């Protein structure tokens, strides 16, 4: 598991779940922008802090179309301070 290029969709035991904090603002903006451009809604946000990944936000993006799967977005700060994110279709992570 050490060779992962991005945080797993489900927080692992090394992450601490926290409430929304100013440190997550950039990731929240990324998620909100993606959801808006997809005419969808970001739901089920989980905020964690990780020694490996930094501040991590995970969210599901869903729209009104029953024929599409939710999109999973994971956004994290990383060690360099910049934001990084990965987008996955639910069921393929």
PDB file of N, CA and C in Angstrom:
ATOM      1  N   UNK A   1       0.803  -1.187   0.000  1.00  0.00           N
ATOM      2  CA  UNK A   1       0.000   0.000   0.000  1.00  0.00           C
ATOM      3  C   UNK A   1       0.855   1.264   0.000  1.00  0.00           C
ATOM      4  N   UNK A   2       2.111   1.154   0.279  1.00  0.00           N
ATOM      5  CA  UNK A   2       2.985   2.312   0.309  1.00  0.00           C
ATOM      6  C   UNK A   2       3.191   2.934  -1.069  1.00  0.00           C
ATOM      7  N   UNK A   3       2.840   2.214  -2.127  1.00  0.00           N
ATOM      8  CA  UNK A   3       3.065   2.728  -3.463  1.00  0.00           C
ATOM      9  C   UNK A   3       1.870   3.500  -4.023  1.00  0.00           C
ATOM     10  N   UNK A   4       0.861   3.763  -3.212  1.00  0.00           N
ATOM     11  CA  UNK A   4      -0.286   4.546  -3.665  1.00  0.00           C
ATOM     12  C   UNK A   4       0.153   5.950  -4.053  1.00  0.00           C
ATOM     13  N   UNK A   5      -0.400   6.463  -5.136  1.00  0.00           N
ATOM     14  CA  UNK A   5      -0.093   7.805  -5.588  1.00  0.00           C
ATOM     15  C   UNK A   5      -1.079   8.837  -5.042  1.00  0.00           C
ATOM     16  N   UNK A   6      -2.146   8.341  -4.405  1.00  0.00           N
ATOM     17  CA  UNK A   6      -3.155   9.226  -3.838  1.00  0.00           C
ATOM     18  C   UNK A   6      -3.823   8.498  -2.686  1.00  0.00           C
ATOM     19  N   UNK A   7      -4.465   9.256  -1.778  1.00  0.00           N
ATOM     20  CA  UNK A   7      -5.116   8.624  -0.630  1.00  0.00           C
ATOM     21  C   UNK A   7      -6.217   7.665  -1.074  1.00  0.00           C
ATOM     22  N   UNK A   8      -6.393   6.564  -0.379  1.00  0.00           N
ATOM     23  CA  UNK A   8      -7.489   5.653  -0.715  1.00  0.00           C
ATOM     24  C   UNK A   8      -8.832   6.327  -0.453  1.00  0.00           C
ATOM     25  N   UNK A   9      -9.881   5.834  -1.116  1.00  0.00           N
ATOM     26  CA  UNK A   9     -11.196   6.451  -0.954  1.00  0.00           C
ATOM     27  C   UNK A   9     -11.663   6.398   0.490  1.00  0.00           C
ATOM     28  N   UNK A  10     -11.433   5.313   1.156  1.00  0.00           N
ATOM     29  CA  UNK A  10     -11.843   5.204   2.561  1.00  0.00           C
ATOM     30  C   UNK A  10     -10.645   5.520   3.456  1.00  0.00           C
ATOM     31  N   UNK A  11     -10.844   6.423   4.420  1.00  0.00           N
ATOM     32  CA  UNK A  11      -9.733   6.747   5.325  1.00  0.00           C
ATOM     33  C   UNK A  11      -9.219   5.478   6.015  1.00  0.00           C
ATOM     34  N   UNK A  12      -7.910   5.404   6.191  1.00  0.00           N
ATOM     35  CA  UNK A  12      -7.359   4.237   6.883  1.00  0.00           C
ATOM     36  C   UNK A  12      -7.077   4.582   8.341  1.00  0.00           C
ATOM     37  N   UNK A  13      -6.539   3.630   9.063  1.00  0.00           N
ATOM     38  CA  UNK A  13      -6.357   3.786  10.505  1.00  0.00           C
ATOM     39  C   UNK A  13      -5.312   4.834  10.870  1.00  0.00           C
ATOM     40  N   UNK A  14      -4.511   5.287   9.917  1.00  0.00           N
ATOM     41  CA  UNK A  14      -3.498   6.298  10.218  1.00  0.00           C
ATOM     42  C   UNK A  14      -4.036   7.719  10.086  1.00  0.00           C
ATOM     43  N   UNK A  15      -5.274   7.859   9.619  1.00  0.00           N
ATOM     44  CA  UNK A  15      -5.877   9.177   9.449  1.00  0.00           C
ATOM     45  C   UNK A  15      -6.786   9.508  10.631  1.00  0.00           C
ATOM     46  N   UNK A  16      -6.862  10.785  10.943  1.00  0.00           N
ATOM     47  CA  UNK A  16      -7.726  11.264  12.010  1.00  0.00           C
ATOM     48  C   UNK A  16      -8.871  12.054  11.382  1.00  0.00           C
ATOM     49  N   UNK A  17     -10.098  11.636  11.656  1.00  0.00           N
ATOM     50  CA  UNK A  17     -11.269  12.355  11.157  1.00  0.00           C
ATOM     51  C   UNK A  17     -11.427  13.624  11.991  1.00  0.00           C
ATOM     52  N   UNK A  18     -11.612  14.753  11.307  1.00  0.00           N
ATOM     53  CA  UNK A  18     -11.756  16.048  11.970  1.00  0.00           C
ATOM     54  C   UNK A  18     -12.951  16.774  11.380  1.00  0.00           C
ATOM     55  N   UNK A  19     -13.354  17.858  12.048  1.00  0.00           N
ATOM     56  CA  UNK A  19     -14.438  18.677  11.494  1.00  0.00           C
ATOM     57  C   UNK A  19     -13.846  19.620  10.451  1.00  0.00           C
ATOM     58  N   UNK A  20     -14.712  20.209   9.660  1.00  0.00           N
ATOM     59  CA  UNK A  20     -14.291  21.173   8.635  1.00  0.00           C
ATOM     60  C   UNK A  20     -13.475  22.273   9.302  1.00  0.00           C
ATOM     61  N   UNK A  21     -12.347  22.598   8.703  1.00  0.00           N
ATOM     62  CA  UNK A  21     -11.467  23.642   9.221  1.00  0.00           C
ATOM     63  C   UNK A  21     -11.011  24.522   8.066  1.00  0.00           C
ATOM     64  N   UNK A  22     -10.492  25.724   8.359  1.00  0.00           N
ATOM     65  CA  UNK A  22     -10.007  26.591   7.279  1.00  0.00           C
ATOM     66  C   UNK A  22      -8.965  25.921   6.385  1.00  0.00           C
ATOM     67  N   UNK A  23      -8.194  24.982   6.915  1.00  0.00           N
ATOM     68  CA  UNK A  23      -7.167  24.299   6.125  1.00  0.00           C
ATOM     69  C   UNK A  23      -7.769  23.539   4.941  1.00  0.00           C
ATOM     70  N   UNK A  24      -9.051  23.212   5.011  1.00  0.00           N
ATOM     71  CA  UNK A  24      -9.702  22.440   3.956  1.00  0.00           C
ATOM     72  C   UNK A  24     -10.381  23.320   2.906  1.00  0.00           C
ATOM     73  N   UNK A  25     -10.315  24.624   3.063  1.00  0.00           N
ATOM     74  CA  UNK A  25     -11.047  25.543   2.189  1.00  0.00           C
ATOM     75  C   UNK A  25     -10.704  25.348   0.709  1.00  0.00           C
ATOM     76  N   UNK A  26      -9.438  25.197   0.388  1.00  0.00           N
ATOM     77  CA  UNK A  26      -9.034  25.016  -1.006  1.00  0.00           C
ATOM     78  C   UNK A  26      -9.631  23.763  -1.619  1.00  0.00           C
ATOM     79  N   UNK A  27      -9.609  22.668  -0.876  1.00  0.00           N
ATOM     80  CA  UNK A  27     -10.192  21.421  -1.376  1.00  0.00           C
ATOM     81  C   UNK A  27     -11.705  21.549  -1.509  1.00  0.00           C
ATOM     82  N   UNK A  28     -12.339  22.222  -0.577  1.00  0.00           N
ATOM     83  CA  UNK A  28     -13.783  22.433  -0.690  1.00  0.00           C
ATOM     84  C   UNK A  28     -14.109  23.206  -1.966  1.00  0.00           C
ATOM     85  N   UNK A  29     -13.291  24.195  -2.308  1.00  0.00           N
ATOM     86  CA  UNK A  29     -13.517  24.962  -3.536  1.00  0.00           C
ATOM     87  C   UNK A  29     -13.368  24.075  -4.782  1.00  0.00           C
ATOM     88  N   UNK A  30     -12.363  23.208  -4.787  1.00  0.00           N
ATOM     89  CA  UNK A  30     -12.170  22.286  -5.920  1.00  0.00           C
ATOM     90  C   UNK A  30     -13.401  21.399  -6.080  1.00  0.00           C
ATOM     91  N   UNK A  31     -13.867  20.832  -4.985  1.00  0.00           N
ATOM     92  CA  UNK A  31     -15.016  19.924  -5.020  1.00  0.00           C
ATOM     93  C   UNK A  31     -16.274  20.668  -5.459  1.00  0.00           C
ATOM     94  N   UNK A  32     -16.502  21.858  -4.901  1.00  0.00           N
ATOM     95  CA  UNK A  32     -17.687  22.636  -5.261  1.00  0.00           C
ATOM     96  C   UNK A  32     -17.671  23.051  -6.737  1.00  0.00           C
ATOM     97  N   UNK A  33     -16.502  23.425  -7.239  1.00  0.00           N
ATOM     98  CA  UNK A  33     -16.383  23.815  -8.647  1.00  0.00           C
ATOM     99  C   UNK A  33     -16.669  22.630  -9.561  1.00  0.00           C
ATOM    100  N   UNK A  34     -16.100  21.478  -9.244  1.00  0.00           N
ATOM    101  CA  UNK A  34     -16.356  20.283 -10.052  1.00  0.00           C
ATOM    102  C   UNK A  34     -17.843  19.949 -10.054  1.00  0.00           C
ATOM    103  N   UNK A  35     -18.466  19.965  -8.876  1.00  0.00           N
ATOM    104  CA  UNK A  35     -19.890  19.637  -8.770  1.00  0.00           C
ATOM    105  C   UNK A  35     -20.733  20.632  -9.580  1.00  0.00           C
ATOM    106  N   UNK A  36     -20.422  21.904  -9.485  1.00  0.00           N
ATOM    107  CA  UNK A  36     -21.193  22.915 -10.213  1.00  0.00           C
ATOM    108  C   UNK A  36     -21.080  22.722 -11.723  1.00  0.00           C
ATOM    109  N   UNK A  37     -19.875  22.438 -12.201  1.00  0.00           N
ATOM    110  CA  UNK A  37     -19.688  22.240 -13.645  1.00  0.00           C
ATOM    111  C   UNK A  37     -20.372  20.970 -14.140  1.00  0.00           C
ATOM    112  N   UNK A  38     -20.581  20.019 -13.234  1.00  0.00           N
ATOM    113  CA  UNK A  38     -21.260  18.772 -13.592  1.00  0.00           C
ATOM    114  C   UNK A  38     -22.768  18.854 -13.335  1.00  0.00           C
ATOM    115  N   UNK A  39     -23.267  20.032 -12.939  1.00  0.00           N
ATOM    116  CA  UNK A  39     -24.681  20.201 -12.570  1.00  0.00           C
ATOM    117  C   UNK A  39     -25.081  19.148 -11.542  1.00  0.00           C
ATOM    118  N   UNK A  40     -24.257  19.015 -10.535  1.00  0.00           N
ATOM    119  CA  UNK A  40     -24.453  17.985  -9.511  1.00  0.00           C
ATOM    120  C   UNK A  40     -24.255  18.611  -8.131  1.00  0.00           C
ATOM    121  N   UNK A  41     -24.333  17.768  -7.117  1.00  0.00           N
ATOM    122  CA  UNK A  41     -24.197  18.207  -5.732  1.00  0.00           C
ATOM    123  C   UNK A  41     -23.139  17.373  -5.032  1.00  0.00           C
ATOM    124  N   UNK A  42     -22.272  18.033  -4.285  1.00  0.00           N
ATOM    125  CA  UNK A  42     -21.270  17.329  -3.478  1.00  0.00           C
ATOM    126  C   UNK A  42     -21.902  16.957  -2.141  1.00  0.00           C
ATOM    127  N   UNK A  43     -21.784  15.685  -1.775  1.00  0.00           N
ATOM    128  CA  UNK A  43     -22.377  15.191  -0.530  1.00  0.00           C
ATOM    129  C   UNK A  43     -21.351  14.353   0.235  1.00  0.00           C
ATOM    130  N   UNK A  44     -21.723  13.968   1.433  1.00  0.00           N
ATOM    131  CA  UNK A  44     -20.960  13.024   2.251  1.00  0.00           C
ATOM    132  C   UNK A  44     -19.478  13.396   2.386  1.00  0.00           C
ATOM    133  N   UNK A  45     -19.196  14.648   2.656  1.00  0.00           N
ATOM    134  CA  UNK A  45     -17.790  15.051   2.815  1.00  0.00           C
ATOM    135  C   UNK A  45     -17.211  14.481   4.107  1.00  0.00           C
ATOM    136  N   UNK A  46     -15.995  13.990   3.984  1.00  0.00           N
ATOM    137  CA  UNK A  46     -15.257  13.491   5.147  1.00  0.00           C
ATOM    138  C   UNK A  46     -13.914  14.213   5.162  1.00  0.00           C
ATOM    139  N   UNK A  47     -13.594  14.834   6.299  1.00  0.00           N
ATOM    140  CA  UNK A  47     -12.362  15.589   6.463  1.00  0.00           C
ATOM    141  C   UNK A  47     -11.431  14.798   7.367  1.00  0.00           C
ATOM    142  N   UNK A  48     -10.197  14.578   6.898  1.00  0.00           N
ATOM    143  CA  UNK A  48      -9.225  13.858   7.717  1.00  0.00           C
ATOM    144  C   UNK A  48      -7.870  14.553   7.646  1.00  0.00           C
ATOM    145  N   UNK A  49      -7.041  14.223   8.612  1.00  0.00           N
ATOM    146  CA  UNK A  49      -5.651  14.657   8.588  1.00  0.00           C
ATOM    147  C   UNK A  49      -4.785  13.410   8.649  1.00  0.00           C
ATOM    148  N   UNK A  50      -3.760  13.418   7.810  1.00  0.00           N
ATOM    149  CA  UNK A  50      -2.901  12.261   7.650  1.00  0.00           C
ATOM    150  C   UNK A  50      -1.449  12.709   7.630  1.00  0.00           C
ATOM    151  N   UNK A  51      -0.598  11.963   8.288  1.00  0.00           N
ATOM    152  CA  UNK A  51       0.821  12.282   8.251  1.00  0.00           C
ATOM    153  C   UNK A  51       1.359  12.100   6.830  1.00  0.00           C
ATOM    154  N   UNK A  52       0.851  11.111   6.111  1.00  0.00           N
ATOM    155  CA  UNK A  52       1.319  10.832   4.757  1.00  0.00           C
ATOM    156  C   UNK A  52       0.757  11.803   3.726  1.00  0.00           C
ATOM    157  N   UNK A  53      -0.552  12.131   3.840  1.00  0.00           N
ATOM    158  CA  UNK A  53      -1.228  12.889   2.788  1.00  0.00           C
ATOM    159  C   UNK A  53      -1.523  14.333   3.156  1.00  0.00           C
ATOM    160  N   UNK A  54      -1.408  14.710   4.395  1.00  0.00           N
ATOM    161  CA  UNK A  54      -1.767  16.062   4.829  1.00  0.00           C
ATOM    162  C   UNK A  54      -3.262  16.142   5.102  1.00  0.00           C
ATOM    163  N   UNK A  55      -3.861  17.285   4.787  1.00  0.00           N
ATOM    164  CA  UNK A  55      -5.303  17.470   4.962  1.00  0.00           C
ATOM    165  C   UNK A  55      -6.014  16.859   3.763  1.00  0.00           C
ATOM    166  N   UNK A  56      -7.000  15.992   4.036  1.00  0.00           N
ATOM    167  CA  UNK A  56      -7.688  15.252   2.975  1.00  0.00           C
ATOM    168  C   UNK A  56      -9.191  15.487   3.091  1.00  0.00           C
ATOM    169  N   UNK A  57      -9.832  15.759   1.952  1.00  0.00           N
ATOM    170  CA  UNK A  57     -11.288  15.858   1.897  1.00  0.00           C
ATOM    171  C   UNK A  57     -11.770  14.848   0.864  1.00  0.00           C
ATOM    172  N   UNK A  58     -12.765  14.063   1.248  1.00  0.00           N
ATOM    173  CA  UNK A  58     -13.383  13.110   0.324  1.00  0.00           C
ATOM    174  C   UNK A  58     -14.857  13.465   0.208  1.00  0.00           C
ATOM    175  N   UNK A  59     -15.397  13.409  -1.013  1.00  0.00           N
ATOM    176  CA  UNK A  59     -16.810  13.733  -1.225  1.00  0.00           C
ATOM    177  C   UNK A  59     -17.361  12.923  -2.383  1.00  0.00           C
ATOM    178  N   UNK A  60     -18.663  12.667  -2.325  1.00  0.00           N
ATOM    179  CA  UNK A  60     -19.392  12.051  -3.447  1.00  0.00           C
ATOM    180  C   UNK A  60     -20.086  13.172  -4.195  1.00  0.00           C
ATOM    181  N   UNK A  61     -20.039  13.120  -5.506  1.00  0.00           N
ATOM    182  CA  UNK A  61     -20.736  14.097  -6.336  1.00  0.00           C
ATOM    183  C   UNK A  61     -21.832  13.341  -7.077  1.00  0.00           C
ATOM    184  N   UNK A  62     -23.072  13.753  -6.847  1.00  0.00           N
ATOM    185  CA  UNK A  62     -24.223  13.054  -7.431  1.00  0.00           C
ATOM    186  C   UNK A  62     -25.086  14.040  -8.208  1.00  0.00           C
ATOM    187  N   UNK A  63     -25.720  13.524  -9.262  1.00  0.00           N
ATOM    188  CA  UNK A  63     -26.664  14.349 -10.012  1.00  0.00           C
ATOM    189  C   UNK A  63     -28.034  13.678  -9.977  1.00  0.00           C
ATOM    190  N   UNK A  64     -28.997  14.254 -10.680  1.00  0.00           N
ATOM    191  CA  UNK A  64     -30.366  13.739 -10.647  1.00  0.00           C
ATOM    192  C   UNK A  64     -30.604  12.569 -11.597  1.00  0.00           C
ATOM    193  N   UNK A  65     -29.621  12.235 -12.407  1.00  0.00           N
ATOM    194  CA  UNK A  65     -29.780  11.154 -13.376  1.00  0.00           C
ATOM    195  C   UNK A  65     -29.601   9.797 -12.686  1.00  0.00           C
ATOM    196  N   UNK A  66     -30.655   8.981 -12.640  1.00  0.00           N
ATOM    197  CA  UNK A  66     -30.543   7.680 -11.962  1.00  0.00           C
ATOM    198  C   UNK A  66     -29.663   6.689 -12.719  1.00  0.00           C
ATOM    199  N   UNK A  67     -29.283   7.007 -13.955  1.00  0.00           N
ATOM    200  CA  UNK A  67     -28.473   6.091 -14.756  1.00  0.00           C
ATOM    201  C   UNK A  67     -26.971   6.356 -14.644  1.00  0.00           C
ATOM    202  N   UNK A  68     -26.574   7.327 -13.838  1.00  0.00           N
ATOM    203  CA  UNK A  68     -25.150   7.598 -13.673  1.00  0.00           C
ATOM    204  C   UNK A  68     -24.707   7.259 -12.260  1.00  0.00           C
ATOM    205  N   UNK A  69     -23.490   6.792 -12.157  1.00  0.00           N
ATOM    206  CA  UNK A  69     -22.914   6.496 -10.848  1.00  0.00           C
ATOM    207  C   UNK A  69     -22.368   7.775 -10.233  1.00  0.00           C
ATOM    208  N   UNK A  70     -22.397   7.860  -8.913  1.00  0.00           N
ATOM    209  CA  UNK A  70     -21.771   9.018  -8.271  1.00  0.00           C
ATOM    210  C   UNK A  70     -20.279   9.060  -8.595  1.00  0.00           C
ATOM    211  N   UNK A  71     -19.746  10.248  -8.564  1.00  0.00           N
ATOM    212  CA  UNK A  71     -18.325  10.462  -8.751  1.00  0.00           C
ATOM    213  C   UNK A  71     -17.706  10.689  -7.385  1.00  0.00           C
ATOM    214  N   UNK A  72     -16.561  10.070  -7.150  1.00  0.00           N
ATOM    215  CA  UNK A  72     -15.857  10.233  -5.887  1.00  0.00           C
ATOM    216  C   UNK A  72     -14.668  11.160  -6.113  1.00  0.00           C
ATOM    217  N   UNK A  73     -14.557  12.175  -5.287  1.00  0.00           N
ATOM    218  CA  UNK A  73     -13.432  13.109  -5.383  1.00  0.00           C
ATOM    219  C   UNK A  73     -12.655  13.054  -4.076  1.00  0.00           C
ATOM    220  N   UNK A  74     -11.362  12.872  -4.196  1.00  0.00           N
ATOM    221  CA  UNK A  74     -10.458  12.950  -3.058  1.00  0.00           C
ATOM    222  C   UNK A  74      -9.494  14.093  -3.338  1.00  0.00           C
ATOM    223  N   UNK A  75      -9.414  15.038  -2.429  1.00  0.00           N
ATOM    224  CA  UNK A  75      -8.534  16.191  -2.574  1.00  0.00           C
ATOM    225  C   UNK A  75      -7.649  16.257  -1.333  1.00  0.00           C
ATOM    226  N   UNK A  76      -6.351  16.539  -1.532  1.00  0.00           N
ATOM    227  CA  UNK A  76      -5.443  16.599  -0.395  1.00  0.00           C
ATOM    228  C   UNK A  76      -4.384  17.663  -0.622  1.00  0.00           C
ATOM    229  N   UNK A  77      -3.756  18.072   0.484  1.00  0.00           N
ATOM    230  CA  UNK A  77      -2.781  19.153   0.406  1.00  0.00           C
ATOM    231  C   UNK A  77      -1.396  18.652   0.035  1.00  0.00           C
ATOM    232  N   UNK A  78      -1.027  17.471   0.419  1.00  0.00           N
ATOM    233  CA  UNK A  78       0.303  16.960   0.099  1.00  0.00           C
ATOM    234  C   UNK A  78       1.392  17.704   0.842  1.00  0.00           C
ATOM    235  N   UNK A  79       2.602  17.235   0.719  1.00  0.00           N
ATOM    236  CA  UNK A  79       3.721  17.802   1.470  1.00  0.00           C
ATOM    237  C   UNK A  79       4.224  19.110   0.875  1.00  0.00           C
ATOM    238  N   UNK A  80       3.971  19.348  -0.404  1.00  0.00           N
ATOM    239  CA  UNK A  80       4.452  20.563  -1.045  1.00  0.00           C
ATOM    240  C   UNK A  80       3.557  21.766  -0.837  1.00  0.00           C
ATOM    241  N   UNK A  81       2.419  21.574  -0.218  1.00  0.00           N
ATOM    242  CA  UNK A  81       1.515  22.672   0.064  1.00  0.00           C
ATOM    243  C   UNK A  81       0.471  22.928  -1.007  1.00  0.00           C
ATOM    244  N   UNK A  82       0.674  22.440  -2.224  1.00  0.00           N
ATOM    245  CA  UNK A  82      -0.312  22.617  -3.270  1.00  0.00           C
ATOM    246  C   UNK A  82      -1.424  21.586  -3.168  1.00  0.00           C
ATOM    247  N   UNK A  83      -2.551  21.880  -3.807  1.00  0.00           N
ATOM    248  CA  UNK A  83      -3.670  20.941  -3.807  1.00  0.00           C
ATOM    249  C   UNK A  83      -3.495  19.903  -4.904  1.00  0.00           C
ATOM    250  N   UNK A  84      -3.897  18.690  -4.594  1.00  0.00           N
ATOM    251  CA  UNK A  84      -3.932  17.611  -5.560  1.00  0.00           C
ATOM    252  C   UNK A  84      -5.291  16.940  -5.415  1.00  0.00           C
ATOM    253  N   UNK A  85      -5.798  16.355  -6.502  1.00  0.00           N
ATOM    254  CA  UNK A  85      -7.063  15.640  -6.380  1.00  0.00           C
ATOM    255  C   UNK A  85      -7.127  14.522  -7.395  1.00  0.00           C
ATOM    256  N   UNK A  86      -7.978  13.564  -7.069  1.00  0.00           N
ATOM    257  CA  UNK A  86      -8.234  12.439  -7.970  1.00  0.00           C
ATOM    258  C   UNK A  86      -9.743  12.269  -8.048  1.00  0.00           C
ATOM    259  N   UNK A  87     -10.215  11.928  -9.245  1.00  0.00           N
ATOM    260  CA  UNK A  87     -11.641  11.734  -9.495  1.00  0.00           C
ATOM    261  C   UNK A  87     -11.837  10.300  -9.951  1.00  0.00           C
ATOM    262  N   UNK A  88     -12.776   9.598  -9.296  1.00  0.00           N
ATOM    263  CA  UNK A  88     -13.037   8.198  -9.615  1.00  0.00           C
ATOM    264  C   UNK A  88     -14.541   7.982  -9.728  1.00  0.00           C
ATOM    265  N   UNK A  89     -14.947   7.056 -10.581  1.00  0.00           N
ATOM    266  CA  UNK A  89     -16.349   6.642 -10.613  1.00  0.00           C
ATOM    267  C   UNK A  89     -16.579   5.677  -9.462  1.00  0.00           C
ATOM    268  N   UNK A  90     -17.685   5.848  -8.775  1.00  0.00           N
ATOM    269  CA  UNK A  90     -17.973   4.959  -7.646  1.00  0.00           C
ATOM    270  C   UNK A  90     -18.055   3.518  -8.159  1.00  0.00           C
ATOM    271  N   UNK A  91     -17.441   2.616  -7.443  1.00  0.00           N
ATOM    272  CA  UNK A  91     -17.424   1.220  -7.831  1.00  0.00           C
ATOM    273  C   UNK A  91     -16.152   0.806  -8.547  1.00  0.00           C
ATOM    274  N   UNK A  92     -15.299   1.777  -8.890  1.00  0.00           N
ATOM    275  CA  UNK A  92     -14.054   1.483  -9.608  1.00  0.00           C
ATOM    276  C   UNK A  92     -12.820   1.864  -8.817  1.00  0.00           C
ATOM    277  N   UNK A  93     -12.968   2.136  -7.527  1.00  0.00           N
ATOM    278  CA  UNK A  93     -11.813   2.565  -6.751  1.00  0.00           C
ATOM    279  C   UNK A  93     -11.075   1.409  -6.166  1.00  0.00           C
TER     280      UNK A  93
END
